[in-house]
C-alpha atoms as a PDB file:
ATOM      1  CA  MET A   1     155.099  52.463 123.533  1.00  0.00           C
ATOM      2  CA  ASP A   2     153.248  52.981 120.281  1.00  0.00           C
ATOM      3  CA  VAL A   3     150.091  53.657 122.234  1.00  0.00           C
ATOM      4  CA  TYR A   4     151.927  56.159 124.444  1.00  0.00           C
ATOM      5  CA  LYS A   5     153.345  57.944 121.409  1.00  0.00           C
ATOM      6  CA  ALA A   6     149.924  58.011 119.829  1.00  0.00           C
ATOM      7  CA  GLU A   7     148.448  59.663 122.932  1.00  0.00           C
ATOM      8  CA  GLU A   8     151.337  62.156 123.012  1.00  0.00           C
ATOM      9  CA  GLN A   9     150.686  62.973 119.367  1.00  0.00           C
ATOM     10  CA  GLN A  10     146.988  63.521 120.059  1.00  0.00           C
ATOM     11  CA  ILE A  11     147.867  65.857 122.934  1.00  0.00           C
ATOM     12  CA  GLU A  12     150.306  67.769 120.729  1.00  0.00           C
ATOM     13  CA  ASP A  13     147.651  67.994 118.001  1.00  0.00           C
ATOM     14  CA  ILE A  14     145.155  69.403 120.493  1.00  0.00           C
ATOM     15  CA  LYS A  15     147.690  71.929 121.791  1.00  0.00           C
ATOM     16  CA  ARG A  16     148.573  72.982 118.263  1.00  0.00           C
ATOM     17  CA  TRP A  17     144.909  73.342 117.325  1.00  0.00           C
ATOM     18  CA  TRP A  18     144.324  75.426 120.419  1.00  0.00           C
ATOM     19  CA  ARG A  19     147.302  77.690 119.629  1.00  0.00           C
ATOM     20  CA  GLU A  20     146.005  78.152 116.094  1.00  0.00           C
ATOM     21  CA  ASN A  21     142.276  78.395 116.825  1.00  0.00           C
ATOM     22  CA  GLY A  22     141.862  79.064 120.509  1.00  0.00           C
ATOM     23  CA  MET A  23     141.581  82.818 120.218  1.00  0.00           C
ATOM     24  CA  SER A  24     138.947  82.548 117.485  1.00  0.00           C
ATOM     25  CA  LEU A  25     136.963  80.168 119.667  1.00  0.00           C
ATOM     26  CA  VAL A  26     137.126  82.483 122.663  1.00  0.00           C
ATOM     27  CA  ILE A  27     136.069  85.417 120.520  1.00  0.00           C
ATOM     28  CA  GLY A  28     133.229  83.369 119.043  1.00  0.00           C
ATOM     29  CA  ILE A  29     131.950  82.325 122.456  1.00  0.00           C
ATOM     30  CA  THR A  30     132.242  85.891 123.732  1.00  0.00           C
ATOM     31  CA  LEU A  31     130.353  87.236 120.759  1.00  0.00           C
ATOM     32  CA  GLY A  32     127.710  84.554 121.206  1.00  0.00           C
ATOM     33  CA  ILE A  33     127.169  85.470 124.833  1.00  0.00           C
ATOM     34  CA  SER A  34     127.157  89.164 123.953  1.00  0.00           C
ATOM     35  CA  ALA A  35     124.621  88.533 121.220  1.00  0.00           C
ATOM     36  CA  ILE A  36     122.290  86.747 123.641  1.00  0.00           C
ATOM     37  CA  PHE A  37     122.462  89.486 126.243  1.00  0.00           C
ATOM     38  CA  GLY A  38     122.469  92.164 123.540  1.00  0.00           C
ATOM     39  CA  TRP A  39     119.327  90.701 121.999  1.00  0.00           C
ATOM     40  CA  ARG A  40     117.604  90.682 125.370  1.00  0.00           C
ATOM     41  CA  HIS A  41     118.635  94.282 125.937  1.00  0.00           C
ATOM     42  CA  TRP A  42     117.385  95.203 122.461  1.00  0.00           C
ATOM     43  CA  GLN A  43     114.061  93.486 123.096  1.00  0.00           C
ATOM     44  CA  ALA A  44     113.699  95.327 126.410  1.00  0.00           C
ATOM     45  CA  TYR A  45     114.577  98.586 124.681  1.00  0.00           C
ATOM     46  CA  LYS A  46     111.996  97.967 121.959  1.00  0.00           C
ATOM     47  CA  THR A  47     109.343  97.195 124.576  1.00  0.00           C
ATOM     48  CA  GLU A  48     110.168 100.405 126.424  1.00  0.00           C
ATOM     49  CA  GLN A  49     110.055 102.386 123.189  1.00  0.00           C
ATOM     50  CA  ALA A  50     106.718 100.848 122.212  1.00  0.00           C
ATOM     51  CA  GLU A  51     105.259 101.758 125.589  1.00  0.00           C
ATOM     52  CA  SER A  52     106.471 105.354 125.256  1.00  0.00           C
ATOM     53  CA  ALA A  53     105.024 105.607 121.748  1.00  0.00           C
ATOM     54  CA  SER A  54     101.746 104.125 122.982  1.00  0.00           C
ATOM     55  CA  VAL A  55     101.445 106.773 125.692  1.00  0.00           C
ATOM     56  CA  LEU A  56     102.020 109.559 123.173  1.00  0.00           C
ATOM     57  CA  TYR A  57      99.494 107.973 120.808  1.00  0.00           C
ATOM     58  CA  SER A  58      96.886 107.752 123.587  1.00  0.00           C
ATOM     59  CA  ASP A  59      97.465 111.413 124.401  1.00  0.00           C
ATOM     60  CA  MET A  60      97.059 112.318 120.733  1.00  0.00           C
ATOM     61  CA  VAL A  61      93.789 110.395 120.395  1.00  0.00           C
ATOM     62  CA  ALA A  62      92.409 111.974 123.561  1.00  0.00           C
ATOM     63  CA  SER A  63      93.324 115.412 122.238  1.00  0.00           C
ATOM     64  CA  LEU A  64      91.645 114.641 118.906  1.00  0.00           C
ATOM     65  CA  ARG A  65      88.440 113.714 120.710  1.00  0.00           C
ATOM     66  CA  ALA A  66      88.661 116.897 122.756  1.00  0.00           C
ATOM     67  CA  GLU A  67      89.404 118.857 119.546  1.00  0.00           C
ATOM     68  CA  SER A  68      92.492 120.315 121.185  1.00  0.00           C
ATOM     69  CA  LYS A  69      94.515 121.216 118.104  1.00  0.00           C
ATOM     70  CA  THR A  70      97.668 122.364 119.893  1.00  0.00           C
ATOM     71  CA  GLU A  71      97.842 119.208 122.007  1.00  0.00           C
ATOM     72  CA  VAL A  72      97.259 117.004 118.956  1.00  0.00           C
ATOM     73  CA  GLU A  73     100.060 118.702 117.065  1.00  0.00           C
ATOM     74  CA  ASP A  74     102.374 118.470 120.058  1.00  0.00           C
ATOM     75  CA  SER A  75     101.805 114.721 120.535  1.00  0.00           C
ATOM     76  CA  ALA A  76     101.949 114.008 116.803  1.00  0.00           C
ATOM     77  CA  HIS A  77     105.250 115.797 116.329  1.00  0.00           C
ATOM     78  CA  LYS A  78     106.746 114.046 119.365  1.00  0.00           C
ATOM     79  CA  ILE A  79     105.743 110.714 117.841  1.00  0.00           C
ATOM     80  CA  LEU A  80     107.276 111.643 114.493  1.00  0.00           C
ATOM     81  CA  GLU A  81     110.467 112.815 116.166  1.00  0.00           C
ATOM     82  CA  LYS A  82     111.192 109.366 117.631  1.00  0.00           C
ATOM     83  CA  TYR A  83     108.851 106.851 116.025  1.00  0.00           C
ATOM     84  CA  GLU A  84     108.220 108.098 112.492  1.00  0.00           C
ATOM     85  CA  ASN A  85     109.010 104.738 110.902  1.00  0.00           C
ATOM     86  CA  THR A  86     106.477 102.832 113.003  1.00  0.00           C
ATOM     87  CA  ALA A  87     102.711 102.408 112.806  1.00  0.00           C
ATOM     88  CA  TYR A  88     102.442 105.215 115.364  1.00  0.00           C
ATOM     89  CA  GLY A  89     104.167 107.498 112.862  1.00  0.00           C
ATOM     90  CA  VAL A  90     101.502 106.658 110.294  1.00  0.00           C
ATOM     91  CA  PHE A  91      98.729 107.498 112.757  1.00  0.00           C
ATOM     92  CA  ALA A  92     100.456 110.759 113.675  1.00  0.00           C
ATOM     93  CA  LYS A  93     100.556 111.810 110.021  1.00  0.00           C
ATOM     94  CA  LEU A  94      96.866 110.971 109.651  1.00  0.00           C
ATOM     95  CA  ALA A  95      96.067 113.120 112.683  1.00  0.00           C
ATOM     96  CA  LEU A  96      98.034 116.029 111.229  1.00  0.00           C
ATOM     97  CA  ALA A  97      96.285 115.530 107.885  1.00  0.00           C
ATOM     98  CA  LYS A  98      92.906 115.719 109.641  1.00  0.00           C
ATOM     99  CA  LEU A  99      93.885 119.016 111.271  1.00  0.00           C
ATOM    100  CA  ALA A 100      95.132 120.360 107.949  1.00  0.00           C
ATOM    101  CA  VAL A 101      91.845 119.520 106.235  1.00  0.00           C
ATOM    102  CA  THR A 102      89.924 121.227 109.038  1.00  0.00           C
ATOM    103  CA  ASP A 103      92.039 124.350 108.495  1.00  0.00           C
ATOM    104  CA  ASN A 104      91.584 124.040 104.709  1.00  0.00           C
ATOM    105  CA  GLU A 105      95.320 123.531 104.300  1.00  0.00           C
ATOM    106  CA  LEU A 106      94.848 120.904 101.616  1.00  0.00           C
ATOM    107  CA  ALA A 107      98.422 120.888 100.318  1.00  0.00           C
ATOM    108  CA  ALA A 108      99.665 120.051 103.815  1.00  0.00           C
ATOM    109  CA  ALA A 109      96.988 117.378 104.192  1.00  0.00           C
ATOM    110  CA  GLU A 110      98.045 115.842 100.874  1.00  0.00           C
ATOM    111  CA  MET A 111     101.677 115.775 101.984  1.00  0.00           C
ATOM    112  CA  TYR A 112     100.889 114.021 105.274  1.00  0.00           C
ATOM    113  CA  LEU A 113      98.611 111.496 103.581  1.00  0.00           C
ATOM    114  CA  ARG A 114     101.171 110.665 100.895  1.00  0.00           C
ATOM    115  CA  GLU A 115     103.824 110.159 103.572  1.00  0.00           C
ATOM    116  CA  ALA A 116     101.456 107.993 105.610  1.00  0.00           C
ATOM    117  CA  LEU A 117     100.616 105.907 102.551  1.00  0.00           C
ATOM    118  CA  ASP A 118     104.305 105.468 101.788  1.00  0.00           C
ATOM    119  CA  LYS A 119     105.129 104.349 105.348  1.00  0.00           C
ATOM    120  CA  ASN A 120     102.117 102.126 105.935  1.00  0.00           C
ATOM    121  CA  ILE A 121     102.614  98.366 105.536  1.00  0.00           C
ATOM    122  CA  ASN A 122      99.071  97.105 106.147  1.00  0.00           C
ATOM    123  CA  ASP A 123      97.233  96.538 102.859  1.00  0.00           C
ATOM    124  CA  SER A 124      93.706  97.135 104.182  1.00  0.00           C
ATOM    125  CA  PHE A 125      94.706 100.304 105.994  1.00  0.00           C
ATOM    126  CA  SER A 126      96.470 101.519 102.848  1.00  0.00           C
ATOM    127  CA  HIS A 127      93.042 101.636 101.200  1.00  0.00           C
ATOM    128  CA  VAL A 128      91.743 103.839 104.015  1.00  0.00           C
ATOM    129  CA  ILE A 129      94.653 106.257 103.603  1.00  0.00           C
ATOM    130  CA  ARG A 130      94.428 106.214  99.804  1.00  0.00           C
ATOM    131  CA  LEU A 131      90.693 107.011  99.862  1.00  0.00           C
ATOM    132  CA  ARG A 132      91.325 109.994 102.138  1.00  0.00           C
ATOM    133  CA  LEU A 133      94.100 111.172  99.847  1.00  0.00           C
ATOM    134  CA  ILE A 134      91.830 110.875  96.795  1.00  0.00           C
ATOM    135  CA  ARG A 135      89.212 113.065  98.477  1.00  0.00           C
ATOM    136  CA  VAL A 136      91.853 115.704  99.237  1.00  0.00           C
ATOM    137  CA  LEU A 137      93.092 115.589  95.635  1.00  0.00           C
ATOM    138  CA  ILE A 138      89.551 116.027  94.319  1.00  0.00           C
ATOM    139  CA  SER A 139      89.111 119.012  96.635  1.00  0.00           C
ATOM    140  CA  GLN A 140      92.203 120.545  95.013  1.00  0.00           C
ATOM    141  CA  ASN A 141      90.907 119.794  91.488  1.00  0.00           C
ATOM    142  CA  LYS A 142      93.790 117.365  90.958  1.00  0.00           C
ATOM    143  CA  PHE A 143      91.573 115.009  89.014  1.00  0.00           C
ATOM    144  CA  ASP A 144      94.263 113.188  87.032  1.00  0.00           C
ATOM    145  CA  GLU A 145      96.169 112.318  90.197  1.00  0.00           C
ATOM    146  CA  ALA A 146      92.962 111.248  91.921  1.00  0.00           C
ATOM    147  CA  ASP A 147      92.019 109.106  88.931  1.00  0.00           C
ATOM    148  CA  SER A 148      95.407 107.356  88.930  1.00  0.00           C
ATOM    149  CA  LEU A 149      94.960 106.399  92.595  1.00  0.00           C
ATOM    150  CA  ILE A 150      91.426 105.154  91.934  1.00  0.00           C
ATOM    151  CA  ALA A 151      92.667 102.939  89.101  1.00  0.00           C
ATOM    152  CA  ILE A 152      94.564 100.475  91.298  1.00  0.00           C
ATOM    153  CA  PRO A 153      93.782  96.863  90.305  1.00  0.00           C
ATOM    154  CA  GLU A 154      93.022  95.344  93.717  1.00  0.00           C
ATOM    155  CA  LYS A 155      90.311  97.208  95.623  1.00  0.00           C
ATOM    156  CA  GLY A 156      88.869  94.383  97.703  1.00  0.00           C
ATOM    157  CA  GLU A 157      86.124  95.353 100.128  1.00  0.00           C
ATOM    158  CA  PHE A 158      86.712  99.044  99.324  1.00  0.00           C
ATOM    159  CA  ALA A 159      85.574  98.758  95.691  1.00  0.00           C
ATOM    160  CA  ALA A 160      82.298 100.603  96.340  1.00  0.00           C
ATOM    161  CA  SER A 161      84.161 103.549  97.884  1.00  0.00           C
ATOM    162  CA  TYR A 162      86.542 103.760  94.920  1.00  0.00           C
ATOM    163  CA  ASP A 163      83.616 103.736  92.485  1.00  0.00           C
ATOM    164  CA  GLU A 164      81.932 106.506  94.450  1.00  0.00           C
ATOM    165  CA  LEU A 165      85.048 108.652  94.262  1.00  0.00           C
ATOM    166  CA  LEU A 166      85.342 107.912  90.548  1.00  0.00           C
ATOM    167  CA  GLY A 167      81.820 109.260  90.244  1.00  0.00           C
ATOM    168  CA  ASP A 168      82.903 112.391  92.126  1.00  0.00           C
ATOM    169  CA  VAL A 169      85.779 112.915  89.678  1.00  0.00           C
ATOM    170  CA  GLU A 170      83.563 112.434  86.623  1.00  0.00           C
ATOM    171  CA  ALA A 171      80.876 114.735  88.036  1.00  0.00           C
ATOM    172  CA  ALA A 172      83.455 117.452  88.780  1.00  0.00           C
ATOM    173  CA  LEU A 173      84.638 117.191  85.166  1.00  0.00           C
ATOM    174  CA  GLY A 174      81.078 117.529  83.880  1.00  0.00           C
ATOM    175  CA  LYS A 175      80.988 113.930  82.626  1.00  0.00           C
ATOM    176  CA  PHE A 176      77.603 113.220  84.097  1.00  0.00           C
ATOM    177  CA  GLU A 177      76.807 109.969  82.303  1.00  0.00           C
ATOM    178  CA  ALA A 178      80.140 108.502  83.383  1.00  0.00           C
ATOM    179  CA  ALA A 179      79.525 109.810  86.893  1.00  0.00           C
ATOM    180  CA  ARG A 180      76.082 108.246  87.017  1.00  0.00           C
ATOM    181  CA  SER A 181      77.490 104.918  85.843  1.00  0.00           C
ATOM    182  CA  ALA A 182      80.241 104.979  88.501  1.00  0.00           C
ATOM    183  CA  TYR A 183      77.765 105.899  91.211  1.00  0.00           C
ATOM    184  CA  GLN A 184      75.463 103.078  90.170  1.00  0.00           C
ATOM    185  CA  GLN A 185      78.329 100.593  90.333  1.00  0.00           C
ATOM    186  CA  SER A 186      79.121 101.902  93.789  1.00  0.00           C
ATOM    187  CA  ILE A 187      75.492 101.476  94.859  1.00  0.00           C
ATOM    188  CA  ASN A 188      75.381  97.901  93.584  1.00  0.00           C
ATOM    189  CA  LYS A 189      78.556  96.926  95.416  1.00  0.00           C
ATOM    190  CA  ALA A 190      77.572  98.793  98.589  1.00  0.00           C
ATOM    191  CA  ARG A 191      74.158  97.162  98.624  1.00  0.00           C
ATOM    192  CA  ASP A 192      75.746  93.720  98.277  1.00  0.00           C
ATOM    193  CA  SER A 193      77.892  94.387 101.339  1.00  0.00           C
ATOM    194  CA  GLY A 194      75.025  95.840 103.372  1.00  0.00           C
ATOM    195  CA  ARG A 195      76.298  99.421 103.342  1.00  0.00           C
ATOM    196  CA  ASP A 196      74.061 102.484 103.477  1.00  0.00           C
ATOM    197  CA  ILE A 197      73.592 103.822  99.939  1.00  0.00           C
ATOM    198  CA  SER A 198      71.529 106.943 100.662  1.00  0.00           C
ATOM    199  CA  ALA A 199      74.467 109.355 100.258  1.00  0.00           C
ATOM    200  CA  ILE A 200      75.395 107.881  96.873  1.00  0.00           C
ATOM    201  CA  GLU A 201      71.780 107.982  95.702  1.00  0.00           C
ATOM    202  CA  LEU A 202      71.697 111.666  96.649  1.00  0.00           C
ATOM    203  CA  LYS A 203      74.742 112.270  94.448  1.00  0.00           C
ATOM    204  CA  ILE A 204      72.940 110.687  91.499  1.00  0.00           C
ATOM    205  CA  ASP A 205      69.912 112.885  92.167  1.00  0.00           C
ATOM    206  CA  ASN A 206      72.132 115.971  92.270  1.00  0.00           C
ATOM    207  CA  ILE A 207      73.530 115.382  88.763  1.00  0.00           C
ATOM    208  CA  GLY A 208      70.064 114.973  87.252  1.00  0.00           C
ATOM    209  CA  HIS A 209      68.730 112.395  84.868  1.00  0.00           C
END
């Protein structure tokens, strides 16, 4: 009898637990299943979106090669409309910056490059964007801003390019000794990495001895 009562008590305990917690369990299981299928749907959606962005990017690159400005702008703006916060958005801004430089619209080019630099998450590619931005700033005589971008602590494999642009800033300011020194540093680093130094040597020749 004691065993029977014990079993009855266990059954009652289970029933009570179910009354108290059953709904939460059902909801939890339902949410779990929904999460699984939702995640798969989200992954499929992301794949579809990536493919669409890739097509637009390919169109933009083809238009750049063909120098079709209108088509480049059209593809770039379509990318920015839907995929601005992706790597494709960064590339679109770089394409628009290139067009702006070609049209001598340097303020617009600066804006696109700053936005691209802000959105980019790849360290090496950030150097590429930053170097382009520095050149645009120098072209606008914004030497202090250019100098502040050159002065970043970690330059890595791009150190020679930063030194060259520092030389450009110093030369533009009439500080020819400082320019020569920066150019020479650039030459030394470029030579060590096997880069062509003829363009930098020409800059030294142009500022005299």
